[in-house]
Structures are given as structure tokens and as C-alpha cells.
Protein backbone atom coordinates (compact mmCIF):
# COMPACT_ATOMS: atom_id res chain seq x y z
CA UNK A 1 184.01 16.58 48.89
CA UNK A 2 184.74 17.65 52.44
CA UNK A 3 184.39 15.30 55.41
CA UNK A 4 181.32 17.23 56.61
CA UNK A 5 179.68 16.99 53.16
CA UNK A 6 180.46 13.28 52.95
CA UNK A 7 178.89 12.59 56.35
CA UNK A 8 175.88 14.74 55.47
CA UNK A 9 175.29 12.81 52.25
CA UNK A 10 175.09 9.42 53.98
CA UNK A 11 171.63 7.90 54.53
CA UNK A 12 170.26 8.56 58.02
CA UNK A 13 169.06 5.76 60.24
CA UNK A 14 166.78 6.37 63.16
CA UNK A 15 168.39 5.77 66.56
CA UNK A 16 166.05 3.71 68.70
CA UNK A 17 166.06 3.84 72.52
CA UNK A 18 167.78 0.91 74.28
CA UNK A 19 165.74 -2.25 74.75
CA UNK A 20 164.49 -2.78 78.29
CA UNK A 21 166.44 -5.53 80.04
CA UNK A 22 167.20 -5.95 83.72
CA UNK A 23 170.49 -7.04 85.32
CA UNK A 24 169.33 -10.68 85.33
CA UNK A 25 168.73 -10.85 81.59
CA UNK A 26 164.93 -10.57 81.78
CA UNK A 27 163.47 -8.63 78.88
CA UNK A 28 160.66 -6.24 79.79
CA UNK A 29 157.84 -6.62 77.28
CA UNK A 30 154.69 -5.99 79.36
CA UNK A 31 153.40 -2.71 80.81
CA UNK A 32 150.54 -2.38 83.28
CA UNK A 33 149.27 1.19 83.04
CA UNK A 34 147.07 2.57 85.82
CA UNK A 35 144.90 5.38 84.48
CA UNK A 36 143.11 6.27 87.74
CA UNK A 37 143.19 5.45 91.44
CA UNK A 38 139.42 5.87 91.72
CA UNK A 39 137.00 2.96 91.88
CA UNK A 40 133.25 2.43 92.18
CA UNK A 41 133.69 -0.60 94.48
CA UNK A 42 135.35 -0.92 97.89
CA UNK A 43 136.68 -4.47 97.77
CA UNK A 44 138.01 -5.81 101.07
CA UNK A 45 141.28 -7.03 99.56
CA UNK A 46 142.03 -3.66 97.93
CA UNK A 47 141.00 -0.82 100.22
CA UNK A 48 139.30 0.03 103.51
CA UNK A 49 135.52 0.50 103.66
CA UNK A 50 135.96 4.27 103.79
CA UNK A 51 138.10 4.18 100.67
CA UNK A 52 141.47 5.85 100.27
CA UNK A 53 142.55 9.45 99.84
CA UNK A 54 142.32 9.87 96.09
CA UNK A 55 144.88 11.93 94.21
CA UNK A 56 144.02 15.46 93.05
CA UNK A 57 143.36 15.59 89.33
CA UNK A 58 146.55 17.53 88.54
CA UNK A 59 148.62 14.76 90.17
CA UNK A 60 147.27 12.17 87.72
CA UNK A 61 149.01 11.80 84.36
CA UNK A 62 147.03 13.17 81.44
CA UNK A 63 146.11 10.80 78.65
CA UNK A 64 148.53 12.67 76.39
CA UNK A 65 151.37 12.08 78.86
CA UNK A 66 150.45 8.41 79.12
CA UNK A 67 150.31 8.01 75.35
CA UNK A 68 153.77 9.54 75.01
CA UNK A 69 155.19 7.15 77.60
CA UNK A 70 153.57 4.11 75.99
CA UNK A 71 154.89 5.07 72.55
CA UNK A 72 158.39 5.47 74.02
CA UNK A 73 158.21 2.16 75.86
CA UNK A 74 156.94 0.31 72.79
CA UNK A 75 160.06 1.57 71.05
CA UNK A 76 162.06 0.03 73.91
CA UNK A 77 160.49 -3.41 73.54
CA UNK A 78 157.11 -3.27 75.26
CA UNK A 79 154.75 -5.49 73.27
CA UNK A 80 151.73 -5.77 75.56
CA UNK A 81 149.93 -3.04 77.50
CA UNK A 82 147.23 -3.66 80.09
CA UNK A 83 145.15 -0.65 81.15
CA UNK A 84 144.11 -0.87 84.79
CA UNK A 85 142.96 1.33 87.67
CA UNK A 86 141.48 1.67 90.22
CA UNK A 87 138.62 1.02 87.87
CA UNK A 88 139.71 2.38 84.47
CA UNK A 89 136.19 2.93 83.13
CA UNK A 90 135.38 5.54 85.77
CA UNK A 91 137.82 7.88 83.98
CA UNK A 92 136.09 10.01 81.37
CA UNK A 93 137.42 9.63 77.83
CA UNK A 94 138.86 6.15 78.33
CA UNK A 95 137.56 4.70 75.03
CA UNK A 96 139.17 7.51 73.03
CA UNK A 97 142.42 6.90 74.91
CA UNK A 98 142.27 3.18 74.16
CA UNK A 99 141.87 3.96 70.46
CA UNK A 100 144.93 6.20 70.63
CA UNK A 101 146.97 3.41 72.21
CA UNK A 102 145.82 0.91 69.56
CA UNK A 103 147.20 3.26 66.90
CA UNK A 104 150.76 3.20 68.31
CA UNK A 105 152.99 1.42 65.78
CA UNK A 106 154.58 -1.72 67.19
CA UNK A 107 152.13 -2.30 70.05
CA UNK A 108 151.12 -5.93 69.61
CA UNK A 109 148.25 -6.24 72.09
CA UNK A 110 146.12 -4.02 74.29
CA UNK A 111 144.24 -5.45 77.28
CA UNK A 112 141.98 -4.08 80.01
CA UNK A 113 141.37 -5.10 83.62
CA UNK A 114 138.01 -4.05 85.04
CA UNK A 115 135.47 -4.80 87.75
CA UNK A 116 132.82 -4.82 85.02
CA UNK A 117 130.32 -2.47 86.63
CA UNK A 118 130.27 0.03 83.75
CA UNK A 119 131.44 -2.13 80.86
CA UNK A 120 128.45 -4.07 79.48
CA UNK A 121 127.17 -1.20 77.27
CA UNK A 122 130.70 -0.66 75.89
CA UNK A 123 131.59 -4.20 74.86
CA UNK A 124 130.78 -3.75 71.17
CA UNK A 125 133.03 -0.67 71.03
CA UNK A 126 135.83 -2.54 72.80
CA UNK A 127 135.48 -5.32 70.24
CA UNK A 128 135.56 -2.83 67.37
CA UNK A 129 138.72 -1.07 68.57
CA UNK A 130 140.58 -4.36 68.88
CA UNK A 131 140.95 -5.07 72.59
CA UNK A 132 142.95 -8.30 72.78
CA UNK A 133 141.56 -9.44 76.11
CA UNK A 134 139.64 -8.43 79.22
CA UNK A 135 140.34 -9.44 82.82
CA UNK A 136 137.18 -9.26 84.91
CA UNK A 137 137.31 -9.21 88.70
CA UNK A 138 134.68 -11.47 90.28
CA UNK A 139 135.25 -13.11 93.68
CA UNK A 140 132.01 -15.04 94.08
CA UNK A 141 128.83 -16.08 92.27
CA UNK A 142 126.72 -15.26 95.32
CA UNK A 143 125.01 -11.88 95.41
CA UNK A 144 125.31 -11.74 99.19
CA UNK A 145 128.96 -12.67 99.01
CA UNK A 146 129.56 -10.05 96.33
CA UNK A 147 128.01 -7.33 98.47
CA UNK A 148 130.06 -8.43 101.49
CA UNK A 149 133.35 -8.40 99.54
CA UNK A 150 132.82 -5.28 97.39
CA UNK A 151 130.60 -3.34 99.84
CA UNK A 152 128.35 -2.46 96.86
CA UNK A 153 125.18 -4.05 95.40
CA UNK A 154 126.27 -4.16 91.75
CA UNK A 155 126.40 -7.90 91.14
CA UNK A 156 123.99 -7.90 88.19
CA UNK A 157 126.05 -5.30 86.33
CA UNK A 158 129.17 -7.45 86.58
CA UNK A 159 127.39 -10.61 85.43
CA UNK A 160 125.93 -8.70 82.49
CA UNK A 161 129.44 -7.66 81.47
CA UNK A 162 130.67 -11.25 81.73
CA UNK A 163 127.97 -12.49 79.39
CA UNK A 164 128.44 -9.60 76.93
CA UNK A 165 132.20 -10.16 76.71
CA UNK A 166 131.78 -13.90 76.10
CA UNK A 167 129.10 -13.23 73.48
CA UNK A 168 131.42 -10.80 71.70
CA UNK A 169 134.18 -13.47 71.63
CA UNK A 170 136.67 -11.20 73.37
CA UNK A 171 139.15 -13.41 75.27
CA UNK A 172 138.13 -13.28 78.93
CA UNK A 173 139.88 -14.10 82.19
CA UNK A 174 137.87 -13.99 85.40
CA UNK A 175 140.09 -12.99 88.34
CA UNK A 176 139.13 -14.00 91.87
CA UNK A 177 141.18 -12.99 94.91
CA UNK A 178 140.74 -15.76 97.48
CA UNK A 179 140.46 -14.85 101.17
CA UNK A 180 140.25 -17.50 103.87
CA UNK A 181 136.96 -17.32 105.73
CA UNK A 182 135.49 -15.02 103.09
CA UNK A 183 135.15 -16.73 99.71
CA UNK A 184 136.97 -20.07 99.74
CA UNK A 185 133.57 -21.67 99.22
CA UNK A 186 133.42 -19.89 95.85
CA UNK A 187 136.46 -21.64 94.37
CA UNK A 188 134.66 -24.63 92.87
CA UNK A 189 131.53 -22.70 91.72
CA UNK A 190 133.75 -20.14 89.99
CA UNK A 191 135.82 -22.90 88.38
CA UNK A 192 132.61 -24.34 86.93
CA UNK A 193 132.24 -21.22 84.80
CA UNK A 194 135.09 -22.65 82.73
CA UNK A 195 133.17 -25.90 82.30
CA UNK A 196 130.63 -24.21 80.08
CA UNK A 197 132.42 -21.08 78.85
CA UNK A 198 135.68 -20.77 76.84
CA UNK A 199 137.32 -18.58 79.48
CA UNK A 200 140.08 -18.84 82.06
CA UNK A 201 139.09 -18.55 85.72
CA UNK A 202 142.11 -17.46 87.76
CA UNK A 203 142.40 -17.71 91.53
CA UNK A 204 144.75 -15.16 93.07
CA UNK A 205 146.45 -15.23 96.45
CA UNK A 206 145.47 -12.27 98.57
CA UNK A 207 148.16 -9.57 98.55
CA UNK A 208 149.05 -7.14 101.35
CA UNK A 209 148.21 -4.08 99.24
CA UNK A 210 144.80 -3.39 100.76
CA UNK A 211 145.34 -0.02 102.41
CA UNK A 212 145.73 -1.63 105.85
CA UNK A 213 149.20 -3.27 105.74
CA UNK A 214 147.90 -6.67 106.74
CA UNK A 215 146.74 -9.92 105.19
CA UNK A 216 144.65 -11.63 107.82
CA UNK A 217 143.11 -14.37 105.73
CA UNK A 218 145.91 -16.17 103.87
CA UNK A 219 144.79 -18.89 101.48
CA UNK A 220 147.84 -19.71 99.42
CA UNK A 221 148.24 -21.30 95.99
CA UNK A 222 148.74 -24.77 97.48
CA UNK A 223 145.43 -24.64 99.35
CA UNK A 224 143.61 -23.32 96.28
CA UNK A 225 144.98 -26.19 94.19
CA UNK A 226 144.02 -28.69 96.91
CA UNK A 227 140.44 -27.41 96.84
CA UNK A 228 140.32 -27.75 93.06
CA UNK A 229 141.92 -31.20 93.12
CA UNK A 230 139.40 -32.42 95.70
CA UNK A 231 136.57 -31.48 93.34
CA UNK A 232 138.36 -32.43 90.12
CA UNK A 233 140.90 -35.24 90.74
CA UNK A 234 141.87 -35.33 87.05
CA UNK A 235 142.95 -31.70 86.96
CA UNK A 236 146.35 -31.38 85.26
CA UNK A 237 148.78 -28.55 84.75
CA UNK A 238 149.53 -27.30 81.26
CA UNK A 239 152.33 -25.01 80.19
CA UNK A 240 151.40 -21.47 79.24
CA UNK A 241 154.45 -19.52 78.16
CA UNK A 242 155.12 -16.20 79.90
CA UNK A 243 152.01 -16.47 82.07
CA UNK A 244 151.91 -15.28 85.67
CA UNK A 245 149.37 -18.04 86.34
CA UNK A 246 149.91 -21.75 86.74
CA UNK A 247 147.30 -22.99 84.26
CA UNK A 248 145.29 -26.20 84.60
CA UNK A 249 142.95 -28.19 82.39
CA UNK A 250 140.01 -30.18 83.68
CA UNK A 251 138.59 -32.93 81.42
CA UNK A 252 135.36 -31.87 79.76
CA UNK A 253 135.83 -28.16 80.43
CA UNK A 254 135.51 -25.61 77.64
CA UNK A 255 138.01 -23.31 79.36
CA UNK A 256 140.84 -23.53 81.87
CA UNK A 257 141.60 -22.50 85.43
CA UNK A 258 144.68 -20.75 86.74
CA UNK A 259 146.35 -20.00 90.07
CA UNK A 260 148.44 -16.88 90.61
CA UNK A 261 150.88 -17.02 93.51
CA UNK A 262 151.40 -13.27 93.78
CA UNK A 263 152.03 -13.32 97.52
CA UNK A 264 154.16 -16.48 97.29
CA UNK A 265 156.01 -14.82 94.39
CA UNK A 266 156.21 -17.98 92.31
CA UNK A 267 156.79 -16.27 88.95
CA UNK A 268 159.42 -13.63 89.73
CA UNK A 269 162.12 -15.49 87.81
CA UNK A 270 160.34 -14.91 84.52
CA UNK A 271 158.74 -11.53 85.28
CA UNK A 272 158.59 -9.39 82.15
CA UNK A 273 156.47 -6.52 83.47
CA UNK A 274 156.72 -3.03 84.83
CA UNK A 275 153.97 -0.74 86.08
CA UNK A 276 153.18 2.92 85.68
CA UNK A 277 150.91 4.20 88.43
CA UNK A 278 148.18 6.80 87.85
CA UNK A 279 150.52 9.38 89.40
CA UNK A 280 153.22 8.57 86.87
CA UNK A 281 155.52 6.46 89.03
CA UNK A 282 157.35 3.66 87.25
CA UNK A 283 157.43 0.59 89.50
CA UNK A 284 159.70 -2.33 88.66
CA UNK A 285 158.30 -4.58 91.42
CA UNK A 286 155.18 -4.46 93.58
CA UNK A 287 157.19 -5.15 96.71
CA UNK A 288 160.09 -2.76 96.32
CA UNK A 289 161.11 0.88 96.25
CA UNK A 290 162.23 0.75 92.60
CA UNK A 291 160.23 3.84 91.71
CA UNK A 292 160.97 6.48 89.09
CA UNK A 293 158.93 9.72 88.99
CA UNK A 294 158.05 9.94 85.31
CA UNK A 295 155.52 12.70 85.93
CA UNK A 296 158.22 14.97 87.29
CA UNK A 297 160.47 14.22 84.31
CA UNK A 298 157.68 14.81 81.80
CA UNK A 299 156.57 18.08 83.35
CA UNK A 300 160.11 19.39 83.68
CA UNK A 301 160.58 19.11 79.91
CA UNK A 302 162.60 15.90 79.65
CA UNK A 303 163.15 14.65 76.10
CA UNK A 304 162.58 11.07 74.99
CA UNK A 305 166.27 10.20 75.25
CA UNK A 306 166.44 11.44 78.83
CA UNK A 307 163.27 9.51 79.70
CA UNK A 308 164.57 6.34 78.06
CA UNK A 309 167.91 6.56 79.87
CA UNK A 310 166.22 7.04 83.25
CA UNK A 311 163.81 4.15 82.64
CA UNK A 312 166.56 1.76 81.55
CA UNK A 313 168.65 2.67 84.59
CA UNK A 314 165.74 1.96 86.92
CA UNK A 315 164.99 -1.35 85.23
CA UNK A 316 168.65 -2.36 85.47
CA UNK A 317 168.41 -1.82 89.23
CA UNK A 318 165.42 -4.12 89.60
CA UNK A 319 165.63 -6.72 92.36
CA UNK A 320 166.06 -10.40 91.57
CA UNK A 321 162.63 -11.19 93.03
CA UNK A 322 159.87 -9.85 95.24
CA UNK A 323 161.47 -11.13 98.42
CA UNK A 324 164.73 -9.29 97.74
CA UNK A 325 162.74 -6.18 96.79
CA UNK A 326 160.68 -6.34 99.99
CA UNK A 327 163.76 -6.84 102.16
CA UNK A 328 165.25 -3.62 100.83
CA UNK A 329 162.03 -1.61 100.92
CA UNK A 330 161.38 1.27 103.28
CA UNK A 331 157.85 1.83 101.97
CA UNK A 332 156.06 -1.18 103.40
CA UNK A 333 152.79 -2.34 101.85
CA UNK A 334 150.11 -0.23 103.51
CA UNK A 335 149.02 1.40 100.25
CA UNK A 336 146.05 0.25 98.20
CA UNK A 337 146.43 -1.75 94.98
CA UNK A 338 144.33 0.98 93.34
CA UNK A 339 147.22 3.41 93.71
CA UNK A 340 149.74 1.05 92.10
CA UNK A 341 147.99 0.26 88.85
CA UNK A 342 146.38 -3.13 89.40
């Protein structure tokens, strides 16, 4: 038998893409996927009242392109995908896309972040397709406060979604961005949702990604915790592995509360996530210029191996933390969170 025949007769093994790991040994297992930059609210902490200049449709990745990227990344070690926006449910065909993602072999969990305006009628379908969890944005339990923050009178729709998700027993996290002078008085009332409901209420430091390049109303993680401790002196921190939030239990509560120091960058050392923006840009850090144009690669005919090599190279170049990334950034932070992917 010739050497060529011998080699040809050997069993073939599939060559998998390299696992995603950065230069500091952090494995990348979590993808946040922005499917649209459009939104039906105009939240103060995300964009100006007039909105932002939305991308033309042809500049947004198609669902087919997104599905290909997710399948590739799952093969490289991504275990969890969170679909975000903008507001993801304003994009037509989203439920069909979510079903396609759930069918990708090796994807362990699929999550959605939403403002809840359009979701209440869809909760049973989300339950049926196996959504592992929903993050719901809600900054206040006051209708007037909601209208002031979101610039829209859609409070009832969001509350309806909250109740439908809890009733369907889909794991729920309520996310509240806290702005000094705007909704600090909502911290304790929002926390009380976790007294009666088996949910996690998470308080998030305001970020600079609001379309204006400023954060005028800083209310950091320490002040949020102080407000909670004043109301609940027995509050205690509990460990939650791989969470971006510092999680706390309060005696007698059915759920928990959390604090996310996104602006303070308290969890960079264990960050396991990357983002793909609606325009197909891979971002390795919110604060840096570590951007790879996946749309250009896809539409120029790049194969999976070329895509995987480019992605791994970009991840290897990821900064140690958000401060280092920001120091080396030429982009600034004047863009809206809706353009980044949540």
C-alpha cells in the first residue's frame, strides 16, 4: 500500500476551530448578540430624545449571517448567547431566528434582553422554544418616572410582560440603570419586587454610552449598596459564579438583588464575554477599539477557518480591563448603547 493510500484509509477526525482565550488566560464563553440598533423607547441613559441615526437595512447583519457566526463561535467555546438590541423584538422574524439559534448543537443557553414593550403576547412561545432567561429593563415603578426616563407612555406594557414572564416560570432579571437625581428613589421600591417574586433585581451604574459622551448623574455601586443597606441592614453578599453582578440576599425575600459596577469596571478580571453589534462588529470590550469587522469578512467570502483565525487574533489582543482599553481608545464613548449590542 502506498503512503497516499495508507493516509487515505485512516479514519478522519473533524478539525475544530481554536478555543477562544485571551492573553490573560480568560476563556470566552458568553456572546452578546445585537440584532438591531432600533428601539421603541428613548431612554435617557441610552440615547438622546431625538434618537440616533439608525443604520440602513443593508448594513445590518442578516439572520443567516448571525446564525453562521453563532454556530462558529459555539464551536470555539461559546456556551451562552444573549440576544439584545436596541430592542430585539422590533426586528421582524425574531422568534424564528431564536428557534434557529436554539437548534445549534453545543449551545447551552439562550437568553434575551428586552424593554418588554412588545413581549407579553409572546411569552408562551418564548417558554416553548426554551429561552433560558429574560432580562427586563425597568428603571422605576412610577408611571410618571417611567415616562420621564423612557420618553414614552408604555409603562403598562412593560409591567404586563413582567407578570407574564414570572407566571411562565422563565428565569427573570429586572435591570435598572440608576441615575442620580432621576431614579435613586426607585432603588428600594424596585428591590421589594424580589421580596415577593423569585427574581433578581439588578441595579446598574450609569454608563457613558448614551449618545452624548457624558454621564452627568453618577450614582456608583457603593452608593447603591448604601441605599439598600439603609433599608435592609441584614443584606448580605452571596457568591454567584461568573456573574457580572455582585449578588445579595435579604432575609425573607423570595428573590435576590444585584449591583453591576459597569462604569467602575469591577468585574473585568473575570470577563468571559464578547459582543457582536448589529452591524457585525466584534467588540472585545465596551471601552476599547478592539473591533473586528465580521460583516466585511462574511460578505467578502471568508471561510470559517479565516473567520475563526481573525476572531481568535482579536480576542488575544483584548485589553486587561476596561481602564486599559479606554486609555488606548481613539473612539471615545459618544455612541449609543443601542449600537453596541446591549
